[in-house]
């Protein structure tokens, strides 16, 4: 009998959780399509720039290690 009560409470909790989640999502101020596009492009540009900088640093260290340790 205790098992059934626990299951019923769990189901009630799920529905309450879903309802509360939907209520919170209604409070969210969503970005406009233009803002989303701008921020997406900004993130992609920054990611590419950071990737290039890290790639250049990696290449430099690779050359340094090859020259110092391998004498190439």
PDB file of N, CA and C in Angstrom:
ATOM      1  N   UNK A   1       0.817  -1.183   0.000  1.00  0.00           N
ATOM      2  CA  UNK A   1       0.000   0.000   0.000  1.00  0.00           C
ATOM      3  C   UNK A   1       0.869   1.258   0.000  1.00  0.00           C
ATOM      4  N   UNK A   2       1.987   1.211   0.672  1.00  0.00           N
ATOM      5  CA  UNK A   2       2.873   2.357   0.700  1.00  0.00           C
ATOM      6  C   UNK A   2       3.447   2.630  -0.678  1.00  0.00           C
ATOM      7  N   UNK A   3       3.663   1.565  -1.458  1.00  0.00           N
ATOM      8  CA  UNK A   3       4.214   1.728  -2.786  1.00  0.00           C
ATOM      9  C   UNK A   3       3.266   2.526  -3.674  1.00  0.00           C
ATOM     10  N   UNK A   4       1.994   2.272  -3.586  1.00  0.00           N
ATOM     11  CA  UNK A   4       1.025   2.982  -4.425  1.00  0.00           C
ATOM     12  C   UNK A   4       0.987   4.462  -4.059  1.00  0.00           C
ATOM     13  N   UNK A   5       1.053   4.787  -2.799  1.00  0.00           N
ATOM     14  CA  UNK A   5       1.036   6.191  -2.381  1.00  0.00           C
ATOM     15  C   UNK A   5       2.280   6.916  -2.898  1.00  0.00           C
ATOM     16  N   UNK A   6       3.413   6.256  -2.817  1.00  0.00           N
ATOM     17  CA  UNK A   6       4.644   6.874  -3.295  1.00  0.00           C
ATOM     18  C   UNK A   6       4.554   7.120  -4.803  1.00  0.00           C
ATOM     19  N   UNK A   7       3.983   6.184  -5.541  1.00  0.00           N
ATOM     20  CA  UNK A   7       3.838   6.342  -6.982  1.00  0.00           C
ATOM     21  C   UNK A   7       2.880   7.474  -7.300  1.00  0.00           C
ATOM     22  N   UNK A   8       1.785   7.555  -6.570  1.00  0.00           N
ATOM     23  CA  UNK A   8       0.819   8.625  -6.792  1.00  0.00           C
ATOM     24  C   UNK A   8       1.440   9.984  -6.487  1.00  0.00           C
ATOM     25  N   UNK A   9       2.236  10.065  -5.430  1.00  0.00           N
ATOM     26  CA  UNK A   9       2.896  11.330  -5.102  1.00  0.00           C
ATOM     27  C   UNK A   9       3.888  11.709  -6.194  1.00  0.00           C
ATOM     28  N   UNK A  10       4.609  10.728  -6.700  1.00  0.00           N
ATOM     29  CA  UNK A  10       5.583  11.001  -7.753  1.00  0.00           C
ATOM     30  C   UNK A  10       4.888  11.522  -9.002  1.00  0.00           C
ATOM     31  N   UNK A  11       3.756  10.952  -9.366  1.00  0.00           N
ATOM     32  CA  UNK A  11       3.020  11.416 -10.545  1.00  0.00           C
ATOM     33  C   UNK A  11       2.498  12.829 -10.314  1.00  0.00           C
ATOM     34  N   UNK A  12       1.994  13.098  -9.116  1.00  0.00           N
ATOM     35  CA  UNK A  12       1.520  14.444  -8.797  1.00  0.00           C
ATOM     36  C   UNK A  12       2.646  15.455  -8.874  1.00  0.00           C
ATOM     37  N   UNK A  13       3.806  15.053  -8.416  1.00  0.00           N
ATOM     38  CA  UNK A  13       4.973  15.939  -8.472  1.00  0.00           C
ATOM     39  C   UNK A  13       5.344  16.247  -9.914  1.00  0.00           C
ATOM     40  N   UNK A  14       5.287  15.226 -10.781  1.00  0.00           N
ATOM     41  CA  UNK A  14       5.636  15.439 -12.191  1.00  0.00           C
ATOM     42  C   UNK A  14       4.724  16.475 -12.825  1.00  0.00           C
ATOM     43  N   UNK A  15       3.418  16.344 -12.602  1.00  0.00           N
ATOM     44  CA  UNK A  15       2.480  17.288 -13.204  1.00  0.00           C
ATOM     45  C   UNK A  15       2.669  18.680 -12.626  1.00  0.00           C
ATOM     46  N   UNK A  16       2.943  18.780 -11.341  1.00  0.00           N
ATOM     47  CA  UNK A  16       3.184  20.071 -10.721  1.00  0.00           C
ATOM     48  C   UNK A  16       4.460  20.683 -11.293  1.00  0.00           C
ATOM     49  N   UNK A  17       5.484  19.867 -11.447  1.00  0.00           N
ATOM     50  CA  UNK A  17       6.749  20.343 -11.997  1.00  0.00           C
ATOM     51  C   UNK A  17       6.563  20.859 -13.420  1.00  0.00           C
ATOM     52  N   UNK A  18       5.824  20.122 -14.234  1.00  0.00           N
ATOM     53  CA  UNK A  18       5.581  20.534 -15.618  1.00  0.00           C
ATOM     54  C   UNK A  18       4.805  21.847 -15.647  1.00  0.00           C
ATOM     55  N   UNK A  19       3.792  21.953 -14.803  1.00  0.00           N
ATOM     56  CA  UNK A  19       3.010  23.188 -14.748  1.00  0.00           C
ATOM     57  C   UNK A  19       3.851  24.378 -14.317  1.00  0.00           C
ATOM     58  N   UNK A  20       4.701  24.186 -13.322  1.00  0.00           N
ATOM     59  CA  UNK A  20       5.567  25.262 -12.862  1.00  0.00           C
ATOM     60  C   UNK A  20       6.589  25.641 -13.931  1.00  0.00           C
ATOM     61  N   UNK A  21       7.074  24.647 -14.659  1.00  0.00           N
ATOM     62  CA  UNK A  21       8.035  24.920 -15.726  1.00  0.00           C
ATOM     63  C   UNK A  21       7.388  25.761 -16.820  1.00  0.00           C
ATOM     64  N   UNK A  22       6.185  25.414 -17.203  1.00  0.00           N
ATOM     65  CA  UNK A  22       5.472  26.177 -18.230  1.00  0.00           C
ATOM     66  C   UNK A  22       5.208  27.597 -17.744  1.00  0.00           C
ATOM     67  N   UNK A  23       4.826  27.755 -16.486  1.00  0.00           N
ATOM     68  CA  UNK A  23       4.585  29.086 -15.925  1.00  0.00           C
ATOM     69  C   UNK A  23       5.860  29.933 -15.967  1.00  0.00           C
ATOM     70  N   UNK A  24       6.998  29.339 -15.652  1.00  0.00           N
ATOM     71  CA  UNK A  24       8.264  30.076 -15.688  1.00  0.00           C
ATOM     72  C   UNK A  24       8.646  30.449 -17.114  1.00  0.00           C
ATOM     73  N   UNK A  25       8.392  29.547 -18.066  1.00  0.00           N
ATOM     74  CA  UNK A  25       8.718  29.842 -19.458  1.00  0.00           C
ATOM     75  C   UNK A  25       7.873  30.986 -20.002  1.00  0.00           C
ATOM     76  N   UNK A  26       6.672  31.170 -19.488  1.00  0.00           N
ATOM     77  CA  UNK A  26       5.824  32.289 -19.920  1.00  0.00           C
ATOM     78  C   UNK A  26       6.374  33.622 -19.427  1.00  0.00           C
ATOM     79  N   UNK A  27       7.172  33.608 -18.366  1.00  0.00           N
ATOM     80  CA  UNK A  27       7.752  34.839 -17.821  1.00  0.00           C
ATOM     81  C   UNK A  27       9.014  35.280 -18.564  1.00  0.00           C
ATOM     82  N   UNK A  28       9.582  34.378 -19.350  1.00  0.00           N
ATOM     83  CA  UNK A  28      10.842  34.659 -20.027  1.00  0.00           C
ATOM     84  C   UNK A  28      10.643  35.723 -21.096  1.00  0.00           C
ATOM     85  N   UNK A  29      11.586  36.662 -21.179  1.00  0.00           N
ATOM     86  CA  UNK A  29      11.573  37.644 -22.246  1.00  0.00           C
ATOM     87  C   UNK A  29      12.475  37.096 -23.346  1.00  0.00           C
ATOM     88  N   UNK A  30      11.853  36.668 -24.434  1.00  0.00           N
ATOM     89  CA  UNK A  30      12.588  36.035 -25.510  1.00  0.00           C
ATOM     90  C   UNK A  30      13.230  37.081 -26.399  1.00  0.00           C
ATOM     91  N   UNK A  31      14.385  36.752 -26.972  1.00  0.00           N
ATOM     92  CA  UNK A  31      15.077  37.655 -27.877  1.00  0.00           C
ATOM     93  C   UNK A  31      14.352  37.716 -29.219  1.00  0.00           C
ATOM     94  N   UNK A  32      14.536  38.844 -29.915  1.00  0.00           N
ATOM     95  CA  UNK A  32      13.960  38.952 -31.254  1.00  0.00           C
ATOM     96  C   UNK A  32      14.818  38.139 -32.222  1.00  0.00           C
ATOM     97  N   UNK A  33      14.276  37.895 -33.395  1.00  0.00           N
ATOM     98  CA  UNK A  33      14.998  37.127 -34.414  1.00  0.00           C
ATOM     99  C   UNK A  33      16.301  37.832 -34.788  1.00  0.00           C
ATOM    100  N   UNK A  34      16.259  39.162 -34.868  1.00  0.00           N
ATOM    101  CA  UNK A  34      17.447  39.939 -35.219  1.00  0.00           C
ATOM    102  C   UNK A  34      18.525  39.808 -34.137  1.00  0.00           C
ATOM    103  N   UNK A  35      18.131  39.869 -32.877  1.00  0.00           N
ATOM    104  CA  UNK A  35      19.087  39.724 -31.776  1.00  0.00           C
ATOM    105  C   UNK A  35      19.714  38.328 -31.768  1.00  0.00           C
ATOM    106  N   UNK A  36      18.907  37.329 -32.018  1.00  0.00           N
ATOM    107  CA  UNK A  36      19.418  35.949 -32.052  1.00  0.00           C
ATOM    108  C   UNK A  36      20.426  35.784 -33.180  1.00  0.00           C
ATOM    109  N   UNK A  37      20.110  36.323 -34.359  1.00  0.00           N
ATOM    110  CA  UNK A  37      21.021  36.221 -35.495  1.00  0.00           C
ATOM    111  C   UNK A  37      22.332  36.942 -35.199  1.00  0.00           C
ATOM    112  N   UNK A  38      22.250  38.154 -34.640  1.00  0.00           N
ATOM    113  CA  UNK A  38      23.448  38.930 -34.320  1.00  0.00           C
ATOM    114  C   UNK A  38      24.325  38.192 -33.314  1.00  0.00           C
ATOM    115  N   UNK A  39      23.728  37.703 -32.252  1.00  0.00           N
ATOM    116  CA  UNK A  39      24.504  37.022 -31.213  1.00  0.00           C
ATOM    117  C   UNK A  39      25.080  35.700 -31.714  1.00  0.00           C
ATOM    118  N   UNK A  40      24.364  35.011 -32.584  1.00  0.00           N
ATOM    119  CA  UNK A  40      24.863  33.763 -33.155  1.00  0.00           C
ATOM    120  C   UNK A  40      26.100  34.026 -34.004  1.00  0.00           C
ATOM    121  N   UNK A  41      26.017  35.043 -34.862  1.00  0.00           N
ATOM    122  CA  UNK A  41      27.161  35.395 -35.697  1.00  0.00           C
ATOM    123  C   UNK A  41      28.329  35.830 -34.825  1.00  0.00           C
ATOM    124  N   UNK A  42      28.058  36.598 -33.777  1.00  0.00           N
ATOM    125  CA  UNK A  42      29.105  37.052 -32.873  1.00  0.00           C
ATOM    126  C   UNK A  42      29.826  35.871 -32.214  1.00  0.00           C
ATOM    127  N   UNK A  43      29.068  34.904 -31.757  1.00  0.00           N
ATOM    128  CA  UNK A  43      29.662  33.719 -31.122  1.00  0.00           C
ATOM    129  C   UNK A  43      30.511  32.942 -32.121  1.00  0.00           C
ATOM    130  N   UNK A  44      30.019  32.782 -33.335  1.00  0.00           N
ATOM    131  CA  UNK A  44      30.772  32.043 -34.353  1.00  0.00           C
ATOM    132  C   UNK A  44      32.073  32.772 -34.698  1.00  0.00           C
ATOM    133  N   UNK A  45      32.012  34.093 -34.853  1.00  0.00           N
ATOM    134  CA  UNK A  45      33.210  34.874 -35.184  1.00  0.00           C
ATOM    135  C   UNK A  45      34.237  34.772 -34.060  1.00  0.00           C
ATOM    136  N   UNK A  46      33.800  34.919 -32.827  1.00  0.00           N
ATOM    137  CA  UNK A  46      34.728  34.836 -31.691  1.00  0.00           C
ATOM    138  C   UNK A  46      35.321  33.435 -31.589  1.00  0.00           C
ATOM    139  N   UNK A  47      34.511  32.410 -31.800  1.00  0.00           N
ATOM    140  CA  UNK A  47      35.015  31.035 -31.735  1.00  0.00           C
ATOM    141  C   UNK A  47      36.077  30.792 -32.810  1.00  0.00           C
ATOM    142  N   UNK A  48      35.850  31.301 -34.008  1.00  0.00           N
ATOM    143  CA  UNK A  48      36.826  31.136 -35.088  1.00  0.00           C
ATOM    144  C   UNK A  48      38.110  31.892 -34.754  1.00  0.00           C
ATOM    145  N   UNK A  49      37.980  33.108 -34.239  1.00  0.00           N
ATOM    146  CA  UNK A  49      39.171  33.900 -33.883  1.00  0.00           C
ATOM    147  C   UNK A  49      39.981  33.207 -32.787  1.00  0.00           C
ATOM    148  N   UNK A  50      39.316  32.725 -31.760  1.00  0.00           N
ATOM    149  CA  UNK A  50      40.018  32.025 -30.680  1.00  0.00           C
ATOM    150  C   UNK A  50      40.666  30.755 -31.214  1.00  0.00           C
ATOM    151  N   UNK A  51      39.987  30.050 -32.097  1.00  0.00           N
ATOM    152  CA  UNK A  51      40.554  28.849 -32.710  1.00  0.00           C
ATOM    153  C   UNK A  51      41.803  29.162 -33.508  1.00  0.00           C
ATOM    154  N   UNK A  52      41.770  30.264 -34.259  1.00  0.00           N
ATOM    155  CA  UNK A  52      42.950  30.652 -35.031  1.00  0.00           C
ATOM    156  C   UNK A  52      44.116  31.024 -34.121  1.00  0.00           C
ATOM    157  N   UNK A  53      43.836  31.794 -33.082  1.00  0.00           N
ATOM    158  CA  UNK A  53      44.905  32.186 -32.149  1.00  0.00           C
ATOM    159  C   UNK A  53      45.504  30.951 -31.487  1.00  0.00           C
ATOM    160  N   UNK A  54      44.670  30.054 -31.009  1.00  0.00           N
ATOM    161  CA  UNK A  54      45.183  28.841 -30.373  1.00  0.00           C
ATOM    162  C   UNK A  54      45.934  27.965 -31.374  1.00  0.00           C
ATOM    163  N   UNK A  55      45.465  27.918 -32.613  1.00  0.00           N
ATOM    164  CA  UNK A  55      46.158  27.152 -33.647  1.00  0.00           C
ATOM    165  C   UNK A  55      47.532  27.732 -33.930  1.00  0.00           C
ATOM    166  N   UNK A  56      47.649  29.062 -33.987  1.00  0.00           N
ATOM    167  CA  UNK A  56      48.945  29.715 -34.219  1.00  0.00           C
ATOM    168  C   UNK A  56      49.887  29.450 -33.046  1.00  0.00           C
ATOM    169  N   UNK A  57      49.367  29.561 -31.830  1.00  0.00           N
ATOM    170  CA  UNK A  57      50.191  29.281 -30.648  1.00  0.00           C
ATOM    171  C   UNK A  57      50.655  27.824 -30.662  1.00  0.00           C
ATOM    172  N   UNK A  58      49.758  26.909 -30.989  1.00  0.00           N
ATOM    173  CA  UNK A  58      50.105  25.493 -31.044  1.00  0.00           C
ATOM    174  C   UNK A  58      51.171  25.239 -32.106  1.00  0.00           C
ATOM    175  N   UNK A  59      51.005  25.857 -33.259  1.00  0.00           N
ATOM    176  CA  UNK A  59      51.993  25.699 -34.333  1.00  0.00           C
ATOM    177  C   UNK A  59      53.354  26.228 -33.891  1.00  0.00           C
ATOM    178  N   UNK A  60      53.353  27.378 -33.220  1.00  0.00           N
ATOM    179  CA  UNK A  60      54.604  27.948 -32.726  1.00  0.00           C
ATOM    180  C   UNK A  60      55.292  27.037 -31.732  1.00  0.00           C
ATOM    181  N   UNK A  61      54.543  26.503 -30.775  1.00  0.00           N
ATOM    182  CA  UNK A  61      55.138  25.589 -29.800  1.00  0.00           C
ATOM    183  C   UNK A  61      55.626  24.299 -30.468  1.00  0.00           C
ATOM    184  N   UNK A  62      54.903  23.824 -31.453  1.00  0.00           N
ATOM    185  CA  UNK A  62      55.315  22.620 -32.170  1.00  0.00           C
ATOM    186  C   UNK A  62      56.649  22.857 -32.877  1.00  0.00           C
ATOM    187  N   UNK A  63      56.756  23.997 -33.556  1.00  0.00           N
ATOM    188  CA  UNK A  63      58.018  24.328 -34.230  1.00  0.00           C
ATOM    189  C   UNK A  63      59.153  24.457 -33.221  1.00  0.00           C
ATOM    190  N   UNK A  64      58.877  25.112 -32.085  1.00  0.00           N
ATOM    191  CA  UNK A  64      59.888  25.303 -31.054  1.00  0.00           C
ATOM    192  C   UNK A  64      60.381  23.966 -30.510  1.00  0.00           C
ATOM    193  N   UNK A  65      59.446  23.081 -30.188  1.00  0.00           N
ATOM    194  CA  UNK A  65      59.818  21.767 -29.648  1.00  0.00           C
ATOM    195  C   UNK A  65      60.575  20.964 -30.700  1.00  0.00           C
ATOM    196  N   UNK A  66      60.131  21.012 -31.936  1.00  0.00           N
ATOM    197  CA  UNK A  66      60.845  20.281 -33.001  1.00  0.00           C
ATOM    198  C   UNK A  66      62.273  20.816 -33.164  1.00  0.00           C
ATOM    199  N   UNK A  67      62.433  22.119 -33.141  1.00  0.00           N
ATOM    200  CA  UNK A  67      63.757  22.712 -33.327  1.00  0.00           C
ATOM    201  C   UNK A  67      64.677  22.438 -32.142  1.00  0.00           C
ATOM    202  N   UNK A  68      64.146  22.518 -30.921  1.00  0.00           N
ATOM    203  CA  UNK A  68      64.968  22.354 -29.723  1.00  0.00           C
ATOM    204  C   UNK A  68      65.310  20.890 -29.467  1.00  0.00           C
ATOM    205  N   UNK A  69      64.313  20.031 -29.518  1.00  0.00           N
ATOM    206  CA  UNK A  69      64.523  18.636 -29.119  1.00  0.00           C
ATOM    207  C   UNK A  69      64.873  17.705 -30.276  1.00  0.00           C
ATOM    208  N   UNK A  70      64.368  18.002 -31.448  1.00  0.00           N
ATOM    209  CA  UNK A  70      64.611  17.092 -32.567  1.00  0.00           C
ATOM    210  C   UNK A  70      65.662  17.628 -33.525  1.00  0.00           C
ATOM    211  N   UNK A  71      65.960  18.917 -33.411  1.00  0.00           N
ATOM    212  CA  UNK A  71      66.991  19.519 -34.253  1.00  0.00           C
ATOM    213  C   UNK A  71      66.635  19.547 -35.719  1.00  0.00           C
ATOM    214  N   UNK A  72      65.358  19.541 -36.032  1.00  0.00           N
ATOM    215  CA  UNK A  72      64.921  19.556 -37.426  1.00  0.00           C
ATOM    216  C   UNK A  72      65.035  20.931 -38.039  1.00  0.00           C
TER     217      UNK A  72
END
